[in-house]
């Protein structure tokens, strides 16, 4: 095998996303979501629709590029693998930027952008906020961690970080570690533990809606006036927010 060389070839692939217009005005803020490992865009769209107050937002559910069939034969997708991870991160960030460009044209929005990620999608939502072109008002993470080497967390804005009390896949220690990372980076974080397992339930949807609702009156402007006095909000530590971080080498989850 010593005579075998490895080559990389860039090629175009098609990504898939779901879009639902706001039930209100033609111009609405954008709420974009990232599904978990082995799921599809439909799974994440179901979560976005179920969050209280999301009917007033344009919704975009982005499907990962790496599709496969699981052991049960069902179709799903993955945001990340251990193989060529750094390259995948750059490609995924560029892909998400392109989807958000198009989604913003659909909804005519120049106002708030909020991201939501479940499980593996939580890492992707974090990367999209920190590495992407689009400034976000907030990131909502459910049952998944922030990539351990991701810097520039100040670009995440406000963070709603939730974990089910009986979640067997996302340990409480990992949850609290990332909550501390956000505080150290100067990022206000609403840390929520709800009664449940690995996934959303009615309690989660209600509490997530309370967080989302604070941006509803900022439809035509960025989130410079977003409230920081939320219940359970852990105040930032370590002084001013870090400056936006240029994309670099990341060892993402």
C-alpha atoms as a PDB file:
ATOM      1  CA  UNK A   1       0.000   0.000   0.000  1.00  0.00           C
ATOM      2  CA  UNK A   2       3.025   2.302   0.099  1.00  0.00           C
ATOM      3  CA  UNK A   3       2.433   3.293  -3.525  1.00  0.00           C
ATOM      4  CA  UNK A   4      -1.141   4.518  -2.867  1.00  0.00           C
ATOM      5  CA  UNK A   5      -1.538   8.297  -2.622  1.00  0.00           C
ATOM      6  CA  UNK A   6      -4.498  10.245  -1.271  1.00  0.00           C
ATOM      7  CA  UNK A   7      -6.122  13.063  -3.253  1.00  0.00           C
ATOM      8  CA  UNK A   8      -9.012  15.402  -2.440  1.00  0.00           C
ATOM      9  CA  UNK A   9     -11.322  16.714  -5.152  1.00  0.00           C
ATOM     10  CA  UNK A  10     -13.801  19.518  -4.583  1.00  0.00           C
ATOM     11  CA  UNK A  11     -17.211  18.903  -6.123  1.00  0.00           C
ATOM     12  CA  UNK A  12     -20.719  20.344  -5.925  1.00  0.00           C
ATOM     13  CA  UNK A  13     -23.394  18.561  -3.892  1.00  0.00           C
ATOM     14  CA  UNK A  14     -27.008  19.418  -3.219  1.00  0.00           C
ATOM     15  CA  UNK A  15     -28.137  20.259   0.301  1.00  0.00           C
ATOM     16  CA  UNK A  16     -31.736  20.114   1.464  1.00  0.00           C
ATOM     17  CA  UNK A  17     -33.670  22.386   3.810  1.00  0.00           C
ATOM     18  CA  UNK A  18     -37.285  23.028   4.760  1.00  0.00           C
ATOM     19  CA  UNK A  19     -38.795  26.509   4.964  1.00  0.00           C
ATOM     20  CA  UNK A  20     -42.065  27.687   6.467  1.00  0.00           C
ATOM     21  CA  UNK A  21     -43.205  31.296   6.197  1.00  0.00           C
ATOM     22  CA  UNK A  22     -44.434  33.210   9.207  1.00  0.00           C
ATOM     23  CA  UNK A  23     -48.168  33.214   9.860  1.00  0.00           C
ATOM     24  CA  UNK A  24     -47.943  36.951  10.463  1.00  0.00           C
ATOM     25  CA  UNK A  25     -46.433  39.668   8.305  1.00  0.00           C
ATOM     26  CA  UNK A  26     -44.612  39.085   5.039  1.00  0.00           C
ATOM     27  CA  UNK A  27     -41.363  40.187   6.680  1.00  0.00           C
ATOM     28  CA  UNK A  28     -40.532  38.087   9.719  1.00  0.00           C
ATOM     29  CA  UNK A  29     -37.481  37.180  11.803  1.00  0.00           C
ATOM     30  CA  UNK A  30     -35.745  33.914  10.989  1.00  0.00           C
ATOM     31  CA  UNK A  31     -35.539  30.895  13.306  1.00  0.00           C
ATOM     32  CA  UNK A  32     -33.231  28.201  11.879  1.00  0.00           C
ATOM     33  CA  UNK A  33     -32.643  24.709  13.262  1.00  0.00           C
ATOM     34  CA  UNK A  34     -30.202  21.792  13.054  1.00  0.00           C
ATOM     35  CA  UNK A  35     -31.327  18.193  13.621  1.00  0.00           C
ATOM     36  CA  UNK A  36     -29.602  15.449  15.597  1.00  0.00           C
ATOM     37  CA  UNK A  37     -27.538  12.480  14.390  1.00  0.00           C
ATOM     38  CA  UNK A  38     -29.462  10.186  12.046  1.00  0.00           C
ATOM     39  CA  UNK A  39     -32.438  12.538  11.828  1.00  0.00           C
ATOM     40  CA  UNK A  40     -33.818  14.563   8.933  1.00  0.00           C
ATOM     41  CA  UNK A  41     -34.912  18.152   8.381  1.00  0.00           C
ATOM     42  CA  UNK A  42     -38.488  17.056   9.091  1.00  0.00           C
ATOM     43  CA  UNK A  43     -37.541  16.053  12.641  1.00  0.00           C
ATOM     44  CA  UNK A  44     -36.074  19.460  13.422  1.00  0.00           C
ATOM     45  CA  UNK A  45     -38.932  21.309  11.755  1.00  0.00           C
ATOM     46  CA  UNK A  46     -41.326  19.478  14.070  1.00  0.00           C
ATOM     47  CA  UNK A  47     -39.360  20.810  17.053  1.00  0.00           C
ATOM     48  CA  UNK A  48     -39.267  24.374  15.709  1.00  0.00           C
ATOM     49  CA  UNK A  49     -43.011  24.398  15.034  1.00  0.00           C
ATOM     50  CA  UNK A  50     -43.700  23.059  18.546  1.00  0.00           C
ATOM     51  CA  UNK A  51     -41.837  25.862  20.345  1.00  0.00           C
ATOM     52  CA  UNK A  52     -44.343  28.354  21.732  1.00  0.00           C
ATOM     53  CA  UNK A  53     -44.502  31.550  19.705  1.00  0.00           C
ATOM     54  CA  UNK A  54     -42.631  30.224  16.669  1.00  0.00           C
ATOM     55  CA  UNK A  55     -45.649  30.851  14.421  1.00  0.00           C
ATOM     56  CA  UNK A  56     -44.569  34.491  14.269  1.00  0.00           C
ATOM     57  CA  UNK A  57     -41.209  33.514  12.801  1.00  0.00           C
ATOM     58  CA  UNK A  58     -40.068  32.225   9.435  1.00  0.00           C
ATOM     59  CA  UNK A  59     -38.729  28.732  10.110  1.00  0.00           C
ATOM     60  CA  UNK A  60     -35.816  27.030   8.368  1.00  0.00           C
ATOM     61  CA  UNK A  61     -34.752  23.450   9.108  1.00  0.00           C
ATOM     62  CA  UNK A  62     -31.385  22.570   7.573  1.00  0.00           C
ATOM     63  CA  UNK A  63     -30.509  18.970   6.747  1.00  0.00           C
ATOM     64  CA  UNK A  64     -26.941  17.707   7.068  1.00  0.00           C
ATOM     65  CA  UNK A  65     -25.048  16.860   3.885  1.00  0.00           C
ATOM     66  CA  UNK A  66     -23.893  13.401   4.947  1.00  0.00           C
ATOM     67  CA  UNK A  67     -26.806  11.006   4.445  1.00  0.00           C
ATOM     68  CA  UNK A  68     -26.930   7.318   5.359  1.00  0.00           C
ATOM     69  CA  UNK A  69     -29.295   4.504   6.292  1.00  0.00           C
ATOM     70  CA  UNK A  70     -29.280   3.366   9.888  1.00  0.00           C
ATOM     71  CA  UNK A  71     -29.430  -0.222  11.151  1.00  0.00           C
ATOM     72  CA  UNK A  72     -33.239  -0.183  10.822  1.00  0.00           C
ATOM     73  CA  UNK A  73     -33.047   0.922   7.203  1.00  0.00           C
ATOM     74  CA  UNK A  74     -34.366   4.410   7.849  1.00  0.00           C
ATOM     75  CA  UNK A  75     -32.831   7.392   6.081  1.00  0.00           C
ATOM     76  CA  UNK A  76     -30.991   9.980   8.170  1.00  0.00           C
ATOM     77  CA  UNK A  77     -28.077  12.378   8.055  1.00  0.00           C
ATOM     78  CA  UNK A  78     -25.037  13.358  10.088  1.00  0.00           C
ATOM     79  CA  UNK A  79     -23.312  16.710  10.532  1.00  0.00           C
ATOM     80  CA  UNK A  80     -19.911  15.325  11.412  1.00  0.00           C
ATOM     81  CA  UNK A  81     -17.608  12.320  11.270  1.00  0.00           C
ATOM     82  CA  UNK A  82     -14.154  11.714  12.707  1.00  0.00           C
ATOM     83  CA  UNK A  83     -12.704  11.410   9.179  1.00  0.00           C
ATOM     84  CA  UNK A  84     -11.389  14.686   7.715  1.00  0.00           C
ATOM     85  CA  UNK A  85     -13.139  16.587  10.469  1.00  0.00           C
ATOM     86  CA  UNK A  86     -11.486  19.967   9.837  1.00  0.00           C
ATOM     87  CA  UNK A  87     -12.503  19.889   6.176  1.00  0.00           C
ATOM     88  CA  UNK A  88     -16.065  18.896   7.054  1.00  0.00           C
ATOM     89  CA  UNK A  89     -16.345  21.838   9.478  1.00  0.00           C
ATOM     90  CA  UNK A  90     -15.326  24.344   6.799  1.00  0.00           C
ATOM     91  CA  UNK A  91     -17.710  22.787   4.266  1.00  0.00           C
ATOM     92  CA  UNK A  92     -20.617  22.690   6.713  1.00  0.00           C
ATOM     93  CA  UNK A  93     -20.120  26.326   7.728  1.00  0.00           C
ATOM     94  CA  UNK A  94     -20.131  27.425   4.077  1.00  0.00           C
ATOM     95  CA  UNK A  95     -23.211  25.294   3.370  1.00  0.00           C
ATOM     96  CA  UNK A  96     -25.149  26.801   6.281  1.00  0.00           C
ATOM     97  CA  UNK A  97     -24.170  30.322   5.209  1.00  0.00           C
ATOM     98  CA  UNK A  98     -25.602  29.617   1.747  1.00  0.00           C
ATOM     99  CA  UNK A  99     -28.858  28.226   3.165  1.00  0.00           C
ATOM    100  CA  UNK A 100     -29.311  31.217   5.474  1.00  0.00           C
ATOM    101  CA  UNK A 101     -28.663  33.590   2.552  1.00  0.00           C
ATOM    102  CA  UNK A 102     -31.500  31.980   0.624  1.00  0.00           C
ATOM    103  CA  UNK A 103     -33.836  31.689   3.611  1.00  0.00           C
ATOM    104  CA  UNK A 104     -33.412  35.392   4.372  1.00  0.00           C
ATOM    105  CA  UNK A 105     -34.382  36.209   0.813  1.00  0.00           C
ATOM    106  CA  UNK A 106     -37.504  34.060   1.211  1.00  0.00           C
ATOM    107  CA  UNK A 107     -38.653  35.845   4.360  1.00  0.00           C
ATOM    108  CA  UNK A 108     -37.344  39.317   3.513  1.00  0.00           C
ATOM    109  CA  UNK A 109     -35.790  39.545   6.943  1.00  0.00           C
ATOM    110  CA  UNK A 110     -33.004  41.856   8.063  1.00  0.00           C
ATOM    111  CA  UNK A 111     -33.981  41.441  11.695  1.00  0.00           C
ATOM    112  CA  UNK A 112     -33.277  38.830  14.356  1.00  0.00           C
ATOM    113  CA  UNK A 113     -31.685  35.498  13.510  1.00  0.00           C
ATOM    114  CA  UNK A 114     -31.942  32.784  16.159  1.00  0.00           C
ATOM    115  CA  UNK A 115     -30.423  29.306  15.787  1.00  0.00           C
ATOM    116  CA  UNK A 116     -31.621  26.071  17.408  1.00  0.00           C
ATOM    117  CA  UNK A 117     -29.766  22.767  17.597  1.00  0.00           C
ATOM    118  CA  UNK A 118     -30.604  19.367  19.039  1.00  0.00           C
ATOM    119  CA  UNK A 119     -28.004  16.767  20.085  1.00  0.00           C
ATOM    120  CA  UNK A 120     -25.352  16.642  17.333  1.00  0.00           C
ATOM    121  CA  UNK A 121     -27.110  19.654  15.854  1.00  0.00           C
ATOM    122  CA  UNK A 122     -26.228  21.679  18.963  1.00  0.00           C
ATOM    123  CA  UNK A 123     -22.578  21.553  17.932  1.00  0.00           C
ATOM    124  CA  UNK A 124     -23.519  22.585  14.399  1.00  0.00           C
ATOM    125  CA  UNK A 125     -25.627  25.509  15.644  1.00  0.00           C
ATOM    126  CA  UNK A 126     -22.672  26.649  17.753  1.00  0.00           C
ATOM    127  CA  UNK A 127     -20.295  26.438  14.800  1.00  0.00           C
ATOM    128  CA  UNK A 128     -22.734  28.278  12.523  1.00  0.00           C
ATOM    129  CA  UNK A 129     -22.956  31.145  15.008  1.00  0.00           C
ATOM    130  CA  UNK A 130     -19.223  31.426  15.634  1.00  0.00           C
ATOM    131  CA  UNK A 131     -17.782  30.576  12.210  1.00  0.00           C
ATOM    132  CA  UNK A 132     -20.555  31.732   9.900  1.00  0.00           C
ATOM    133  CA  UNK A 133     -21.065  35.029   8.077  1.00  0.00           C
ATOM    134  CA  UNK A 134     -24.404  35.854   9.692  1.00  0.00           C
ATOM    135  CA  UNK A 135     -24.588  37.602  13.051  1.00  0.00           C
ATOM    136  CA  UNK A 136     -27.045  35.861  15.374  1.00  0.00           C
ATOM    137  CA  UNK A 137     -29.067  37.188  18.281  1.00  0.00           C
ATOM    138  CA  UNK A 138     -29.188  33.918  20.154  1.00  0.00           C
ATOM    139  CA  UNK A 139     -28.463  30.210  20.012  1.00  0.00           C
ATOM    140  CA  UNK A 140     -30.720  27.583  21.594  1.00  0.00           C
ATOM    141  CA  UNK A 141     -29.029  24.275  22.429  1.00  0.00           C
ATOM    142  CA  UNK A 142     -30.879  21.116  23.460  1.00  0.00           C
ATOM    143  CA  UNK A 143     -29.194  17.916  24.621  1.00  0.00           C
ATOM    144  CA  UNK A 144     -25.828  18.532  22.988  1.00  0.00           C
ATOM    145  CA  UNK A 145     -22.519  20.200  23.697  1.00  0.00           C
ATOM    146  CA  UNK A 146     -20.485  23.081  22.321  1.00  0.00           C
ATOM    147  CA  UNK A 147     -17.435  21.900  20.328  1.00  0.00           C
ATOM    148  CA  UNK A 148     -14.573  21.809  22.853  1.00  0.00           C
ATOM    149  CA  UNK A 149     -12.087  23.826  20.800  1.00  0.00           C
ATOM    150  CA  UNK A 150     -14.554  26.405  19.484  1.00  0.00           C
ATOM    151  CA  UNK A 151     -13.338  29.921  20.325  1.00  0.00           C
ATOM    152  CA  UNK A 152     -15.045  33.285  19.988  1.00  0.00           C
ATOM    153  CA  UNK A 153     -18.200  32.183  21.810  1.00  0.00           C
ATOM    154  CA  UNK A 154     -19.276  35.812  22.108  1.00  0.00           C
ATOM    155  CA  UNK A 155     -20.694  35.528  18.595  1.00  0.00           C
ATOM    156  CA  UNK A 156     -23.431  33.263  19.996  1.00  0.00           C
ATOM    157  CA  UNK A 157     -25.220  36.261  21.544  1.00  0.00           C
ATOM    158  CA  UNK A 158     -27.626  35.023  24.217  1.00  0.00           C
ATOM    159  CA  UNK A 159     -27.749  31.265  24.807  1.00  0.00           C
ATOM    160  CA  UNK A 160     -30.651  29.086  25.927  1.00  0.00           C
ATOM    161  CA  UNK A 161     -29.013  25.836  27.012  1.00  0.00           C
ATOM    162  CA  UNK A 162     -31.286  22.937  27.970  1.00  0.00           C
ATOM    163  CA  UNK A 163     -30.850  19.371  29.166  1.00  0.00           C
ATOM    164  CA  UNK A 164     -33.350  16.707  30.181  1.00  0.00           C
ATOM    165  CA  UNK A 165     -32.879  15.588  33.788  1.00  0.00           C
ATOM    166  CA  UNK A 166     -32.716  11.918  32.714  1.00  0.00           C
ATOM    167  CA  UNK A 167     -30.696  12.367  29.516  1.00  0.00           C
ATOM    168  CA  UNK A 168     -28.427   9.292  29.160  1.00  0.00           C
ATOM    169  CA  UNK A 169     -26.459  10.717  26.219  1.00  0.00           C
ATOM    170  CA  UNK A 170     -25.607  14.231  27.406  1.00  0.00           C
ATOM    171  CA  UNK A 171     -24.196  14.056  30.920  1.00  0.00           C
ATOM    172  CA  UNK A 172     -24.858  16.728  33.509  1.00  0.00           C
ATOM    173  CA  UNK A 173     -21.095  17.235  33.940  1.00  0.00           C
ATOM    174  CA  UNK A 174     -20.721  18.061  30.240  1.00  0.00           C
ATOM    175  CA  UNK A 175     -23.706  20.400  30.436  1.00  0.00           C
ATOM    176  CA  UNK A 176     -22.292  22.316  33.409  1.00  0.00           C
ATOM    177  CA  UNK A 177     -18.844  22.468  31.805  1.00  0.00           C
ATOM    178  CA  UNK A 178     -20.250  24.267  28.776  1.00  0.00           C
ATOM    179  CA  UNK A 179     -22.393  26.571  30.917  1.00  0.00           C
ATOM    180  CA  UNK A 180     -19.193  27.610  32.698  1.00  0.00           C
ATOM    181  CA  UNK A 181     -17.404  28.093  29.371  1.00  0.00           C
ATOM    182  CA  UNK A 182     -20.117  30.490  28.236  1.00  0.00           C
ATOM    183  CA  UNK A 183     -19.938  32.461  31.468  1.00  0.00           C
ATOM    184  CA  UNK A 184     -16.150  32.690  31.237  1.00  0.00           C
ATOM    185  CA  UNK A 185     -16.489  33.947  27.651  1.00  0.00           C
ATOM    186  CA  UNK A 186     -18.896  36.686  28.709  1.00  0.00           C
ATOM    187  CA  UNK A 187     -21.964  35.083  27.120  1.00  0.00           C
ATOM    188  CA  UNK A 188     -25.273  35.381  29.035  1.00  0.00           C
ATOM    189  CA  UNK A 189     -26.746  31.900  29.309  1.00  0.00           C
ATOM    190  CA  UNK A 190     -30.125  30.690  30.460  1.00  0.00           C
ATOM    191  CA  UNK A 191     -29.352  27.178  31.747  1.00  0.00           C
ATOM    192  CA  UNK A 192     -32.477  24.997  31.886  1.00  0.00           C
ATOM    193  CA  UNK A 193     -32.934  21.491  33.259  1.00  0.00           C
ATOM    194  CA  UNK A 194     -36.368  20.102  32.473  1.00  0.00           C
ATOM    195  CA  UNK A 195     -37.972  16.833  33.506  1.00  0.00           C
ATOM    196  CA  UNK A 196     -37.249  14.531  30.595  1.00  0.00           C
ATOM    197  CA  UNK A 197     -34.757  12.416  28.675  1.00  0.00           C
ATOM    198  CA  UNK A 198     -32.780  12.992  25.449  1.00  0.00           C
ATOM    199  CA  UNK A 199     -35.177  15.134  23.477  1.00  0.00           C
ATOM    200  CA  UNK A 200     -37.874  17.761  23.732  1.00  0.00           C
ATOM    201  CA  UNK A 201     -41.187  17.610  25.563  1.00  0.00           C
ATOM    202  CA  UNK A 202     -43.976  20.040  26.410  1.00  0.00           C
ATOM    203  CA  UNK A 203     -42.026  21.550  29.300  1.00  0.00           C
ATOM    204  CA  UNK A 204     -39.078  22.215  27.018  1.00  0.00           C
ATOM    205  CA  UNK A 205     -41.240  23.733  24.274  1.00  0.00           C
ATOM    206  CA  UNK A 206     -42.882  26.096  26.766  1.00  0.00           C
ATOM    207  CA  UNK A 207     -39.629  27.269  28.336  1.00  0.00           C
ATOM    208  CA  UNK A 208     -37.931  27.607  24.962  1.00  0.00           C
ATOM    209  CA  UNK A 209     -40.865  29.737  23.816  1.00  0.00           C
ATOM    210  CA  UNK A 210     -40.412  32.059  26.784  1.00  0.00           C
ATOM    211  CA  UNK A 211     -36.826  32.645  25.677  1.00  0.00           C
ATOM    212  CA  UNK A 212     -37.712  33.080  21.997  1.00  0.00           C
ATOM    213  CA  UNK A 213     -40.449  35.561  22.848  1.00  0.00           C
ATOM    214  CA  UNK A 214     -38.016  38.237  23.999  1.00  0.00           C
ATOM    215  CA  UNK A 215     -36.965  38.794  20.373  1.00  0.00           C
ATOM    216  CA  UNK A 216     -40.477  39.120  18.930  1.00  0.00           C
ATOM    217  CA  UNK A 217     -40.511  42.924  19.210  1.00  0.00           C
ATOM    218  CA  UNK A 218     -37.252  43.277  17.262  1.00  0.00           C
ATOM    219  CA  UNK A 219     -38.469  42.145  13.849  1.00  0.00           C
ATOM    220  CA  UNK A 220     -36.892  44.961  11.861  1.00  0.00           C
ATOM    221  CA  UNK A 221     -33.617  45.448  13.738  1.00  0.00           C
ATOM    222  CA  UNK A 222     -30.685  43.459  15.091  1.00  0.00           C
ATOM    223  CA  UNK A 223     -30.731  42.265  18.674  1.00  0.00           C
ATOM    224  CA  UNK A 224     -28.815  45.091  20.312  1.00  0.00           C
ATOM    225  CA  UNK A 225     -31.594  45.624  22.861  1.00  0.00           C
ATOM    226  CA  UNK A 226     -32.278  42.000  23.788  1.00  0.00           C
ATOM    227  CA  UNK A 227     -33.028  41.644  27.505  1.00  0.00           C
ATOM    228  CA  UNK A 228     -30.357  40.068  29.686  1.00  0.00           C
ATOM    229  CA  UNK A 229     -32.444  39.743  32.875  1.00  0.00           C
ATOM    230  CA  UNK A 230     -34.030  36.383  32.037  1.00  0.00           C
ATOM    231  CA  UNK A 231     -34.919  33.969  34.837  1.00  0.00           C
ATOM    232  CA  UNK A 232     -32.111  31.459  35.467  1.00  0.00           C
ATOM    233  CA  UNK A 233     -29.709  33.609  33.445  1.00  0.00           C
ATOM    234  CA  UNK A 234     -26.114  33.000  34.502  1.00  0.00           C
ATOM    235  CA  UNK A 235     -24.308  36.369  34.346  1.00  0.00           C
ATOM    236  CA  UNK A 236     -21.197  36.578  32.205  1.00  0.00           C
ATOM    237  CA  UNK A 237     -17.765  36.520  33.750  1.00  0.00           C
ATOM    238  CA  UNK A 238     -14.429  37.750  32.539  1.00  0.00           C
ATOM    239  CA  UNK A 239     -15.185  41.251  31.289  1.00  0.00           C
ATOM    240  CA  UNK A 240     -16.207  42.304  27.783  1.00  0.00           C
ATOM    241  CA  UNK A 241     -17.210  39.911  25.056  1.00  0.00           C
ATOM    242  CA  UNK A 242     -14.521  38.589  22.780  1.00  0.00           C
ATOM    243  CA  UNK A 243     -14.306  39.925  19.252  1.00  0.00           C
ATOM    244  CA  UNK A 244     -15.730  37.837  16.375  1.00  0.00           C
ATOM    245  CA  UNK A 245     -13.484  34.883  15.671  1.00  0.00           C
ATOM    246  CA  UNK A 246     -12.089  34.096  12.263  1.00  0.00           C
ATOM    247  CA  UNK A 247     -12.599  30.496  11.143  1.00  0.00           C
ATOM    248  CA  UNK A 248      -9.692  28.284  12.072  1.00  0.00           C
ATOM    249  CA  UNK A 249      -8.868  24.746  13.023  1.00  0.00           C
ATOM    250  CA  UNK A 250     -11.616  23.233  15.147  1.00  0.00           C
ATOM    251  CA  UNK A 251     -11.904  19.868  16.820  1.00  0.00           C
ATOM    252  CA  UNK A 252     -15.697  19.909  16.860  1.00  0.00           C
ATOM    253  CA  UNK A 253     -18.017  17.278  18.269  1.00  0.00           C
END
